[in-house]
Amino acid sequence: MNSKNEITICLGSSCYSRGNDVTLEIIKDYLRENSLKESIFFKGHLCIELCNKGPVVKINDQTYTNVSKDNIISILDNHFKKTV
């Protein structure tokens, strides 16, 4: 990874109450467990303005909607796991 990757999680009231409170913790654990904390800038945003499609997580320029505890790991793996 030449440049630092960025993850933005929507923490607006709609996304937060519909599951991003849990997703936030899963992402933090994922970054720690995969030694990615230093190479990824992880931040919250109050509203990404996609409330009707939330919860929303953005990784670099890719926006993911309807994120849940059931699909966040596969989303993260698609971006950050190296294929063998």
Foldseek 3Di string as FASTA:
>chain_A
DPAAKEKEWAPAPLQVVVAVVVVVVVVVVVCVVVVNPVRYHYYYDRDPPPSVFDRWMDIRHDIDGPDHPVCSVVVVCVPPPDDD
